PDB file of N, CA and C in Angstrom:
ATOM      1  N   UNK A   1     -29.746  -7.990 -38.185  1.00  0.00           N
ATOM      2  CA  UNK A   1     -28.835  -7.429 -37.231  1.00  0.00           C
ATOM      3  C   UNK A   1     -28.843  -8.426 -35.899  1.00  0.00           C
ATOM      4  N   UNK A   2     -27.604  -8.687 -35.524  1.00  0.00           N
ATOM      5  CA  UNK A   2     -27.496  -9.633 -34.422  1.00  0.00           C
ATOM      6  C   UNK A   2     -27.477  -8.722 -33.069  1.00  0.00           C
ATOM      7  N   UNK A   3     -27.841  -9.400 -32.029  1.00  0.00           N
ATOM      8  CA  UNK A   3     -27.862  -8.952 -30.606  1.00  0.00           C
ATOM      9  C   UNK A   3     -26.654  -9.316 -29.917  1.00  0.00           C
ATOM     10  N   UNK A   4     -25.943  -8.421 -29.271  1.00  0.00           N
ATOM     11  CA  UNK A   4     -24.884  -8.707 -28.425  1.00  0.00           C
ATOM     12  C   UNK A   4     -25.187  -9.099 -26.910  1.00  0.00           C
ATOM     13  N   UNK A   5     -24.761 -10.222 -26.504  1.00  0.00           N
ATOM     14  CA  UNK A   5     -25.088 -10.643 -25.212  1.00  0.00           C
ATOM     15  C   UNK A   5     -23.864 -11.107 -24.499  1.00  0.00           C
ATOM     16  N   UNK A   6     -23.799 -10.621 -23.210  1.00  0.00           N
ATOM     17  CA  UNK A   6     -22.627 -10.809 -22.413  1.00  0.00           C
ATOM     18  C   UNK A   6     -22.935 -12.055 -21.474  1.00  0.00           C
ATOM     19  N   UNK A   7     -21.888 -12.904 -21.240  1.00  0.00           N
ATOM     20  CA  UNK A   7     -22.081 -14.027 -20.227  1.00  0.00           C
ATOM     21  C   UNK A   7     -21.819 -13.350 -18.815  1.00  0.00           C
ATOM     22  N   UNK A   8     -22.314 -14.042 -17.917  1.00  0.00           N
ATOM     23  CA  UNK A   8     -21.891 -13.603 -16.513  1.00  0.00           C
ATOM     24  C   UNK A   8     -20.448 -13.485 -16.230  1.00  0.00           C
ATOM     25  N   UNK A   9     -19.823 -14.519 -16.792  1.00  0.00           N
ATOM     26  CA  UNK A   9     -18.339 -14.566 -16.496  1.00  0.00           C
ATOM     27  C   UNK A   9     -17.565 -13.305 -17.217  1.00  0.00           C
ATOM     28  N   UNK A  10     -17.924 -13.032 -18.501  1.00  0.00           N
ATOM     29  CA  UNK A  10     -17.479 -11.935 -19.140  1.00  0.00           C
ATOM     30  C   UNK A  10     -17.795 -10.516 -18.414  1.00  0.00           C
ATOM     31  N   UNK A  11     -19.006 -10.342 -18.045  1.00  0.00           N
ATOM     32  CA  UNK A  11     -19.284  -9.125 -17.352  1.00  0.00           C
ATOM     33  C   UNK A  11     -18.548  -9.033 -16.014  1.00  0.00           C
ATOM     34  N   UNK A  12     -18.238 -10.119 -15.260  1.00  0.00           N
ATOM     35  CA  UNK A  12     -17.616 -10.109 -14.009  1.00  0.00           C
ATOM     36  C   UNK A  12     -16.026  -9.734 -14.252  1.00  0.00           C
ATOM     37  N   UNK A  13     -15.557 -10.357 -15.283  1.00  0.00           N
ATOM     38  CA  UNK A  13     -14.138  -9.968 -15.787  1.00  0.00           C
ATOM     39  C   UNK A  13     -14.079  -8.497 -16.074  1.00  0.00           C
ATOM     40  N   UNK A  14     -15.022  -7.979 -16.898  1.00  0.00           N
ATOM     41  CA  UNK A  14     -15.011  -6.464 -17.242  1.00  0.00           C
ATOM     42  C   UNK A  14     -15.190  -5.684 -15.967  1.00  0.00           C
ATOM     43  N   UNK A  15     -15.966  -6.077 -15.116  1.00  0.00           N
ATOM     44  CA  UNK A  15     -16.187  -5.361 -13.792  1.00  0.00           C
ATOM     45  C   UNK A  15     -15.035  -5.295 -12.972  1.00  0.00           C
ATOM     46  N   UNK A  16     -14.245  -6.404 -12.847  1.00  0.00           N
ATOM     47  CA  UNK A  16     -12.986  -6.451 -12.037  1.00  0.00           C
ATOM     48  C   UNK A  16     -11.908  -5.599 -12.820  1.00  0.00           C
ATOM     49  N   UNK A  17     -11.823  -5.651 -14.098  1.00  0.00           N
ATOM     50  CA  UNK A  17     -10.909  -4.803 -14.840  1.00  0.00           C
ATOM     51  C   UNK A  17     -11.108  -3.285 -14.692  1.00  0.00           C
ATOM     52  N   UNK A  18     -12.400  -2.938 -14.769  1.00  0.00           N
ATOM     53  CA  UNK A  18     -12.698  -1.449 -14.496  1.00  0.00           C
ATOM     54  C   UNK A  18     -12.337  -1.035 -13.083  1.00  0.00           C
ATOM     55  N   UNK A  19     -12.656  -1.980 -12.171  1.00  0.00           N
ATOM     56  CA  UNK A  19     -12.578  -1.648 -10.737  1.00  0.00           C
ATOM     57  C   UNK A  19     -10.945  -1.417 -10.614  1.00  0.00           C
ATOM     58  N   UNK A  20     -10.110  -2.374 -11.256  1.00  0.00           N
ATOM     59  CA  UNK A  20      -8.637  -2.233 -11.053  1.00  0.00           C
ATOM     60  C   UNK A  20      -8.189  -0.920 -11.651  1.00  0.00           C
ATOM     61  N   UNK A  21      -8.675  -0.532 -12.827  1.00  0.00           N
ATOM     62  CA  UNK A  21      -8.263   0.698 -13.576  1.00  0.00           C
ATOM     63  C   UNK A  21      -8.611   1.968 -12.643  1.00  0.00           C
ATOM     64  N   UNK A  22      -9.879   1.917 -12.007  1.00  0.00           N
ATOM     65  CA  UNK A  22     -10.246   2.914 -11.263  1.00  0.00           C
ATOM     66  C   UNK A  22      -9.373   3.125 -10.064  1.00  0.00           C
ATOM     67  N   UNK A  23      -8.981   1.958  -9.531  1.00  0.00           N
ATOM     68  CA  UNK A  23      -8.162   2.151  -8.338  1.00  0.00           C
ATOM     69  C   UNK A  23      -6.744   2.605  -8.649  1.00  0.00           C
ATOM     70  N   UNK A  24      -6.178   2.224  -9.831  1.00  0.00           N
ATOM     71  CA  UNK A  24      -4.875   2.471 -10.298  1.00  0.00           C
ATOM     72  C   UNK A  24      -4.653   3.659 -10.977  1.00  0.00           C
ATOM     73  N   UNK A  25      -5.738   4.151 -11.786  1.00  0.00           N
ATOM     74  CA  UNK A  25      -5.561   5.210 -12.601  1.00  0.00           C
ATOM     75  C   UNK A  25      -6.619   6.267 -12.596  1.00  0.00           C
ATOM     76  N   UNK A  26      -7.761   5.922 -11.843  1.00  0.00           N
ATOM     77  CA  UNK A  26      -8.713   6.984 -11.528  1.00  0.00           C
ATOM     78  C   UNK A  26      -9.915   6.748 -12.310  1.00  0.00           C
ATOM     79  N   UNK A  27     -11.063   7.293 -11.781  1.00  0.00           N
ATOM     80  CA  UNK A  27     -12.308   7.111 -12.360  1.00  0.00           C
ATOM     81  C   UNK A  27     -12.505   7.542 -13.864  1.00  0.00           C
ATOM     82  N   UNK A  28     -12.015   8.604 -14.146  1.00  0.00           N
ATOM     83  CA  UNK A  28     -12.198   9.114 -15.561  1.00  0.00           C
ATOM     84  C   UNK A  28     -11.503   8.010 -16.539  1.00  0.00           C
ATOM     85  N   UNK A  29     -10.369   7.534 -16.182  1.00  0.00           N
ATOM     86  CA  UNK A  29      -9.765   6.643 -17.248  1.00  0.00           C
ATOM     87  C   UNK A  29     -10.510   5.318 -17.128  1.00  0.00           C
ATOM     88  N   UNK A  30     -11.068   4.816 -16.007  1.00  0.00           N
ATOM     89  CA  UNK A  30     -11.803   3.666 -15.944  1.00  0.00           C
ATOM     90  C   UNK A  30     -13.172   3.781 -16.964  1.00  0.00           C
ATOM     91  N   UNK A  31     -13.708   4.961 -16.943  1.00  0.00           N
ATOM     92  CA  UNK A  31     -14.973   5.179 -17.625  1.00  0.00           C
ATOM     93  C   UNK A  31     -14.646   5.276 -19.110  1.00  0.00           C
ATOM     94  N   UNK A  32     -13.585   5.799 -19.513  1.00  0.00           N
ATOM     95  CA  UNK A  32     -13.044   5.855 -20.901  1.00  0.00           C
ATOM     96  C   UNK A  32     -12.980   4.421 -21.420  1.00  0.00           C
ATOM     97  N   UNK A  33     -12.321   3.547 -20.677  1.00  0.00           N
ATOM     98  CA  UNK A  33     -12.059   2.159 -21.058  1.00  0.00           C
ATOM     99  C   UNK A  33     -13.387   1.436 -21.235  1.00  0.00           C
ATOM    100  N   UNK A  34     -14.254   1.647 -20.242  1.00  0.00           N
ATOM    101  CA  UNK A  34     -15.535   0.982 -20.225  1.00  0.00           C
ATOM    102  C   UNK A  34     -16.456   1.418 -21.481  1.00  0.00           C
ATOM    103  N   UNK A  35     -16.490   2.713 -21.693  1.00  0.00           N
ATOM    104  CA  UNK A  35     -17.231   3.212 -22.856  1.00  0.00           C
ATOM    105  C   UNK A  35     -16.689   2.720 -24.195  1.00  0.00           C
ATOM    106  N   UNK A  36     -15.265   2.587 -24.287  1.00  0.00           N
ATOM    107  CA  UNK A  36     -14.723   2.030 -25.520  1.00  0.00           C
ATOM    108  C   UNK A  36     -14.948   0.544 -25.668  1.00  0.00           C
ATOM    109  N   UNK A  37     -15.035  -0.225 -24.537  1.00  0.00           N
ATOM    110  CA  UNK A  37     -15.304  -1.550 -24.736  1.00  0.00           C
ATOM    111  C   UNK A  37     -16.664  -1.814 -25.248  1.00  0.00           C
ATOM    112  N   UNK A  38     -17.708  -1.060 -24.600  1.00  0.00           N
ATOM    113  CA  UNK A  38     -19.172  -1.117 -25.042  1.00  0.00           C
ATOM    114  C   UNK A  38     -19.399  -0.692 -26.433  1.00  0.00           C
ATOM    115  N   UNK A  39     -18.662   0.350 -26.830  1.00  0.00           N
ATOM    116  CA  UNK A  39     -18.800   1.046 -28.191  1.00  0.00           C
ATOM    117  C   UNK A  39     -18.201  -0.078 -29.146  1.00  0.00           C
ATOM    118  N   UNK A  40     -17.078  -0.645 -28.912  1.00  0.00           N
ATOM    119  CA  UNK A  40     -16.522  -1.550 -29.762  1.00  0.00           C
ATOM    120  C   UNK A  40     -17.463  -2.804 -29.840  1.00  0.00           C
ATOM    121  N   UNK A  41     -17.839  -3.373 -28.874  1.00  0.00           N
ATOM    122  CA  UNK A  41     -18.718  -4.637 -28.937  1.00  0.00           C
ATOM    123  C   UNK A  41     -20.214  -4.314 -29.644  1.00  0.00           C
ATOM    124  N   UNK A  42     -20.601  -3.102 -29.422  1.00  0.00           N
ATOM    125  CA  UNK A  42     -21.731  -2.848 -30.158  1.00  0.00           C
ATOM    126  C   UNK A  42     -21.690  -2.758 -31.653  1.00  0.00           C
ATOM    127  N   UNK A  43     -20.456  -2.496 -32.069  1.00  0.00           N
ATOM    128  CA  UNK A  43     -20.238  -2.590 -33.566  1.00  0.00           C
ATOM    129  C   UNK A  43     -20.456  -3.929 -34.132  1.00  0.00           C
ATOM    130  N   UNK A  44     -20.291  -4.907 -33.290  1.00  0.00           N
ATOM    131  CA  UNK A  44     -20.536  -6.338 -33.594  1.00  0.00           C
ATOM    132  C   UNK A  44     -21.962  -6.643 -34.093  1.00  0.00           C
ATOM    133  N   UNK A  45     -22.919  -5.916 -33.670  1.00  0.00           N
ATOM    134  CA  UNK A  45     -24.292  -6.100 -34.165  1.00  0.00           C
ATOM    135  C   UNK A  45     -24.442  -5.993 -35.576  1.00  0.00           C
ATOM    136  N   UNK A  46     -23.759  -5.065 -36.253  1.00  0.00           N
ATOM    137  CA  UNK A  46     -23.885  -5.010 -37.762  1.00  0.00           C
ATOM    138  C   UNK A  46     -22.711  -5.646 -38.463  1.00  0.00           C
ATOM    139  N   UNK A  47     -21.607  -5.856 -37.844  1.00  0.00           N
ATOM    140  CA  UNK A  47     -20.509  -6.498 -38.495  1.00  0.00           C
ATOM    141  C   UNK A  47     -19.903  -7.613 -37.490  1.00  0.00           C
ATOM    142  N   UNK A  48     -20.612  -8.748 -37.264  1.00  0.00           N
ATOM    143  CA  UNK A  48     -20.160  -9.678 -36.312  1.00  0.00           C
ATOM    144  C   UNK A  48     -18.845 -10.498 -36.652  1.00  0.00           C
ATOM    145  N   UNK A  49     -18.397 -10.371 -37.824  1.00  0.00           N
ATOM    146  CA  UNK A  49     -17.202 -11.048 -38.317  1.00  0.00           C
ATOM    147  C   UNK A  49     -15.986 -10.059 -38.275  1.00  0.00           C
ATOM    148  N   UNK A  50     -16.138  -8.918 -37.761  1.00  0.00           N
ATOM    149  CA  UNK A  50     -15.035  -8.010 -37.812  1.00  0.00           C
ATOM    150  C   UNK A  50     -13.874  -8.292 -36.974  1.00  0.00           C
ATOM    151  N   UNK A  51     -14.131  -9.169 -35.964  1.00  0.00           N
ATOM    152  CA  UNK A  51     -13.022  -9.462 -35.119  1.00  0.00           C
ATOM    153  C   UNK A  51     -12.113 -10.651 -35.752  1.00  0.00           C
ATOM    154  N   UNK A  52     -10.912 -10.785 -35.220  1.00  0.00           N
ATOM    155  CA  UNK A  52      -9.970 -11.825 -35.702  1.00  0.00           C
ATOM    156  C   UNK A  52     -10.302 -13.113 -35.094  1.00  0.00           C
ATOM    157  N   UNK A  53     -10.059 -14.176 -35.856  1.00  0.00           N
ATOM    158  CA  UNK A  53     -10.367 -15.473 -35.393  1.00  0.00           C
ATOM    159  C   UNK A  53      -9.255 -15.834 -34.244  1.00  0.00           C
ATOM    160  N   UNK A  54      -9.658 -16.368 -33.116  1.00  0.00           N
ATOM    161  CA  UNK A  54      -8.726 -16.616 -32.045  1.00  0.00           C
ATOM    162  C   UNK A  54      -8.118 -17.973 -32.223  1.00  0.00           C
ATOM    163  N   UNK A  55      -6.849 -17.984 -32.598  1.00  0.00           N
ATOM    164  CA  UNK A  55      -6.042 -19.155 -32.851  1.00  0.00           C
ATOM    165  C   UNK A  55      -6.009 -20.167 -31.714  1.00  0.00           C
ATOM    166  N   UNK A  56      -5.877 -19.702 -30.464  1.00  0.00           N
ATOM    167  CA  UNK A  56      -5.740 -20.358 -29.300  1.00  0.00           C
ATOM    168  C   UNK A  56      -7.021 -21.296 -29.033  1.00  0.00           C
ATOM    169  N   UNK A  57      -8.150 -20.897 -29.594  1.00  0.00           N
ATOM    170  CA  UNK A  57      -9.357 -21.665 -29.417  1.00  0.00           C
ATOM    171  C   UNK A  57      -9.719 -22.353 -30.713  1.00  0.00           C
ATOM    172  N   UNK A  58      -8.932 -22.636 -31.636  1.00  0.00           N
ATOM    173  CA  UNK A  58      -9.221 -23.264 -32.845  1.00  0.00           C
ATOM    174  C   UNK A  58      -9.687 -24.673 -32.740  1.00  0.00           C
ATOM    175  N   UNK A  59      -9.357 -25.233 -31.547  1.00  0.00           N
ATOM    176  CA  UNK A  59      -9.661 -26.750 -31.179  1.00  0.00           C
ATOM    177  C   UNK A  59     -11.266 -26.887 -30.764  1.00  0.00           C
ATOM    178  N   UNK A  60     -11.835 -25.768 -30.642  1.00  0.00           N
ATOM    179  CA  UNK A  60     -13.207 -25.728 -30.168  1.00  0.00           C
ATOM    180  C   UNK A  60     -14.181 -25.978 -31.446  1.00  0.00           C
ATOM    181  N   UNK A  61     -15.308 -26.582 -31.184  1.00  0.00           N
ATOM    182  CA  UNK A  61     -16.218 -26.670 -32.202  1.00  0.00           C
ATOM    183  C   UNK A  61     -16.678 -25.384 -32.683  1.00  0.00           C
ATOM    184  N   UNK A  62     -17.004 -24.543 -31.840  1.00  0.00           N
ATOM    185  CA  UNK A  62     -17.424 -23.197 -32.126  1.00  0.00           C
ATOM    186  C   UNK A  62     -16.277 -22.266 -32.470  1.00  0.00           C
ATOM    187  N   UNK A  63     -16.317 -21.449 -33.495  1.00  0.00           N
ATOM    188  CA  UNK A  63     -15.270 -20.583 -33.870  1.00  0.00           C
ATOM    189  C   UNK A  63     -15.435 -19.263 -32.984  1.00  0.00           C
ATOM    190  N   UNK A  64     -14.273 -19.008 -32.240  1.00  0.00           N
ATOM    191  CA  UNK A  64     -14.164 -17.823 -31.377  1.00  0.00           C
ATOM    192  C   UNK A  64     -13.416 -16.765 -32.066  1.00  0.00           C
ATOM    193  N   UNK A  65     -13.870 -15.456 -31.892  1.00  0.00           N
ATOM    194  CA  UNK A  65     -13.188 -14.348 -32.418  1.00  0.00           C
ATOM    195  C   UNK A  65     -12.898 -13.392 -31.373  1.00  0.00           C
ATOM    196  N   UNK A  66     -11.955 -12.352 -31.583  1.00  0.00           N
ATOM    197  CA  UNK A  66     -11.647 -11.303 -30.580  1.00  0.00           C
ATOM    198  C   UNK A  66     -11.434  -9.967 -31.220  1.00  0.00           C
ATOM    199  N   UNK A  67     -11.737  -8.949 -30.336  1.00  0.00           N
ATOM    200  CA  UNK A  67     -11.441  -7.624 -30.517  1.00  0.00           C
ATOM    201  C   UNK A  67     -10.363  -7.152 -29.421  1.00  0.00           C
ATOM    202  N   UNK A  68      -9.504  -6.340 -29.846  1.00  0.00           N
ATOM    203  CA  UNK A  68      -8.608  -5.836 -28.836  1.00  0.00           C
ATOM    204  C   UNK A  68      -9.071  -4.398 -28.526  1.00  0.00           C
ATOM    205  N   UNK A  69      -9.384  -4.178 -27.200  1.00  0.00           N
ATOM    206  CA  UNK A  69      -9.660  -2.750 -26.793  1.00  0.00           C
ATOM    207  C   UNK A  69      -8.882  -2.399 -25.615  1.00  0.00           C
ATOM    208  N   UNK A  70      -7.997  -1.349 -25.904  1.00  0.00           N
ATOM    209  CA  UNK A  70      -7.052  -0.975 -24.921  1.00  0.00           C
ATOM    210  C   UNK A  70      -6.014  -2.272 -24.747  1.00  0.00           C
ATOM    211  N   UNK A  71      -5.951  -2.754 -23.530  1.00  0.00           N
ATOM    212  CA  UNK A  71      -4.966  -3.914 -23.412  1.00  0.00           C
ATOM    213  C   UNK A  71      -5.949  -5.192 -23.021  1.00  0.00           C
ATOM    214  N   UNK A  72      -7.068  -5.174 -23.539  1.00  0.00           N
ATOM    215  CA  UNK A  72      -8.079  -6.287 -23.266  1.00  0.00           C
ATOM    216  C   UNK A  72      -8.501  -7.062 -24.602  1.00  0.00           C
ATOM    217  N   UNK A  73      -8.503  -8.337 -24.547  1.00  0.00           N
ATOM    218  CA  UNK A  73      -9.106  -9.130 -25.714  1.00  0.00           C
ATOM    219  C   UNK A  73     -10.451  -9.386 -25.207  1.00  0.00           C
ATOM    220  N   UNK A  74     -11.388  -8.929 -26.134  1.00  0.00           N
ATOM    221  CA  UNK A  74     -12.785  -9.331 -25.972  1.00  0.00           C
ATOM    222  C   UNK A  74     -13.033 -10.491 -26.727  1.00  0.00           C
ATOM    223  N   UNK A  75     -13.242 -11.735 -26.233  1.00  0.00           N
ATOM    224  CA  UNK A  75     -13.457 -12.973 -26.823  1.00  0.00           C
ATOM    225  C   UNK A  75     -15.028 -13.180 -27.073  1.00  0.00           C
ATOM    226  N   UNK A  76     -15.280 -13.501 -28.291  1.00  0.00           N
ATOM    227  CA  UNK A  76     -16.765 -13.755 -28.559  1.00  0.00           C
ATOM    228  C   UNK A  76     -17.018 -14.757 -29.684  1.00  0.00           C
ATOM    229  N   UNK A  77     -18.215 -15.322 -29.696  1.00  0.00           N
ATOM    230  CA  UNK A  77     -18.552 -16.245 -30.673  1.00  0.00           C
ATOM    231  C   UNK A  77     -19.881 -15.814 -31.410  1.00  0.00           C
ATOM    232  N   UNK A  78     -20.130 -16.190 -32.661  1.00  0.00           N
ATOM    233  CA  UNK A  78     -21.384 -15.840 -33.325  1.00  0.00           C
ATOM    234  C   UNK A  78     -22.231 -17.051 -33.044  1.00  0.00           C
ATOM    235  N   UNK A  79     -23.481 -16.830 -32.712  1.00  0.00           N
ATOM    236  CA  UNK A  79     -24.480 -18.045 -32.475  1.00  0.00           C
ATOM    237  C   UNK A  79     -25.799 -17.509 -33.220  1.00  0.00           C
ATOM    238  N   UNK A  80     -25.922 -17.845 -34.422  1.00  0.00           N
ATOM    239  CA  UNK A  80     -27.229 -17.617 -35.189  1.00  0.00           C
ATOM    240  C   UNK A  80     -27.455 -16.032 -35.206  1.00  0.00           C
ATOM    241  N   UNK A  81     -28.380 -15.470 -34.553  1.00  0.00           N
ATOM    242  CA  UNK A  81     -28.501 -14.127 -34.486  1.00  0.00           C
ATOM    243  C   UNK A  81     -28.001 -13.366 -33.250  1.00  0.00           C
ATOM    244  N   UNK A  82     -27.049 -14.033 -32.626  1.00  0.00           N
ATOM    245  CA  UNK A  82     -26.634 -13.408 -31.388  1.00  0.00           C
ATOM    246  C   UNK A  82     -24.992 -13.437 -31.583  1.00  0.00           C
ATOM    247  N   UNK A  83     -24.415 -12.427 -30.802  1.00  0.00           N
ATOM    248  CA  UNK A  83     -22.972 -12.342 -30.648  1.00  0.00           C
ATOM    249  C   UNK A  83     -22.804 -12.490 -29.101  1.00  0.00           C
ATOM    250  N   UNK A  84     -22.160 -13.717 -28.712  1.00  0.00           N
ATOM    251  CA  UNK A  84     -22.038 -13.983 -27.198  1.00  0.00           C
ATOM    252  C   UNK A  84     -20.581 -13.542 -26.844  1.00  0.00           C
ATOM    253  N   UNK A  85     -20.578 -12.619 -25.960  1.00  0.00           N
ATOM    254  CA  UNK A  85     -19.187 -12.127 -25.402  1.00  0.00           C
ATOM    255  C   UNK A  85     -18.906 -13.082 -24.276  1.00  0.00           C
ATOM    256  N   UNK A  86     -17.813 -13.867 -24.492  1.00  0.00           N
ATOM    257  CA  UNK A  86     -17.491 -15.056 -23.518  1.00  0.00           C
ATOM    258  C   UNK A  86     -16.407 -14.636 -22.449  1.00  0.00           C
ATOM    259  N   UNK A  87     -15.411 -13.816 -22.770  1.00  0.00           N
ATOM    260  CA  UNK A  87     -14.382 -13.429 -21.904  1.00  0.00           C
ATOM    261  C   UNK A  87     -13.779 -12.120 -22.211  1.00  0.00           C
ATOM    262  N   UNK A  88     -13.395 -11.533 -21.175  1.00  0.00           N
ATOM    263  CA  UNK A  88     -12.574 -10.259 -21.193  1.00  0.00           C
ATOM    264  C   UNK A  88     -11.263 -10.633 -20.611  1.00  0.00           C
ATOM    265  N   UNK A  89     -10.150 -10.548 -21.440  1.00  0.00           N
ATOM    266  CA  UNK A  89      -8.864 -11.159 -21.099  1.00  0.00           C
ATOM    267  C   UNK A  89      -7.907 -10.068 -21.277  1.00  0.00           C
ATOM    268  N   UNK A  90      -7.035  -9.769 -20.226  1.00  0.00           N
ATOM    269  CA  UNK A  90      -6.025  -8.847 -20.306  1.00  0.00           C
ATOM    270  C   UNK A  90      -4.822  -9.481 -21.226  1.00  0.00           C
ATOM    271  N   UNK A  91      -4.191  -8.678 -22.046  1.00  0.00           N
ATOM    272  CA  UNK A  91      -3.279  -9.218 -22.944  1.00  0.00           C
ATOM    273  C   UNK A  91      -1.986  -9.618 -22.279  1.00  0.00           C
ATOM    274  N   UNK A  92      -1.759  -9.067 -21.136  1.00  0.00           N
ATOM    275  CA  UNK A  92      -0.475  -9.386 -20.387  1.00  0.00           C
ATOM    276  C   UNK A  92      -0.526 -10.772 -19.620  1.00  0.00           C
ATOM    277  N   UNK A  93      -1.728 -11.325 -19.560  1.00  0.00           N
ATOM    278  CA  UNK A  93      -1.951 -12.672 -18.929  1.00  0.00           C
ATOM    279  C   UNK A  93      -1.286 -13.784 -19.851  1.00  0.00           C
ATOM    280  N   UNK A  94      -1.103 -14.923 -19.310  1.00  0.00           N
ATOM    281  CA  UNK A  94      -0.664 -16.148 -20.026  1.00  0.00           C
ATOM    282  C   UNK A  94      -1.842 -16.513 -20.995  1.00  0.00           C
ATOM    283  N   UNK A  95      -1.530 -16.445 -22.175  1.00  0.00           N
ATOM    284  CA  UNK A  95      -2.519 -16.807 -23.229  1.00  0.00           C
ATOM    285  C   UNK A  95      -3.013 -18.271 -23.220  1.00  0.00           C
ATOM    286  N   UNK A  96      -2.278 -19.126 -22.442  1.00  0.00           N
ATOM    287  CA  UNK A  96      -2.724 -20.631 -22.371  1.00  0.00           C
ATOM    288  C   UNK A  96      -3.890 -20.713 -21.486  1.00  0.00           C
ATOM    289  N   UNK A  97      -4.178 -19.647 -20.641  1.00  0.00           N
ATOM    290  CA  UNK A  97      -5.282 -19.735 -19.857  1.00  0.00           C
ATOM    291  C   UNK A  97      -6.503 -19.529 -20.565  1.00  0.00           C
ATOM    292  N   UNK A  98      -6.541 -18.976 -21.865  1.00  0.00           N
ATOM    293  CA  UNK A  98      -7.683 -18.864 -22.646  1.00  0.00           C
ATOM    294  C   UNK A  98      -8.294 -20.224 -23.049  1.00  0.00           C
ATOM    295  N   UNK A  99      -7.372 -21.205 -23.159  1.00  0.00           N
ATOM    296  CA  UNK A  99      -7.779 -22.542 -23.560  1.00  0.00           C
ATOM    297  C   UNK A  99      -8.911 -23.120 -22.731  1.00  0.00           C
ATOM    298  N   UNK A 100      -9.094 -22.631 -21.552  1.00  0.00           N
ATOM    299  CA  UNK A 100     -10.147 -23.113 -20.508  1.00  0.00           C
ATOM    300  C   UNK A 100     -11.438 -22.703 -20.819  1.00  0.00           C
ATOM    301  N   UNK A 101     -11.734 -21.812 -21.876  1.00  0.00           N
ATOM    302  CA  UNK A 101     -13.124 -21.503 -22.330  1.00  0.00           C
ATOM    303  C   UNK A 101     -13.972 -22.600 -22.500  1.00  0.00           C
TER     304      UNK A 101
END
């Protein structure tokens, strides 16, 4: 079973997203989104390849995958016995910005 590890950047992006949701739609909605993100990423521990391969990052040496939770792409990579969450990316943003990972 793999361990899910969040990068500082991904946690910061998630924190900003939850803060925005809380300000725009309220605390209870922000908590629902946060719980759904953590529940979905915890499933990666037993099924690391459940996410879709991210075609925008195909040029990288490491294969990146993603899960979609609400309006957020959770970008991750599999590294030995670890799942590294690299980014939390809102799907309304310009996808070309993902290439900077």
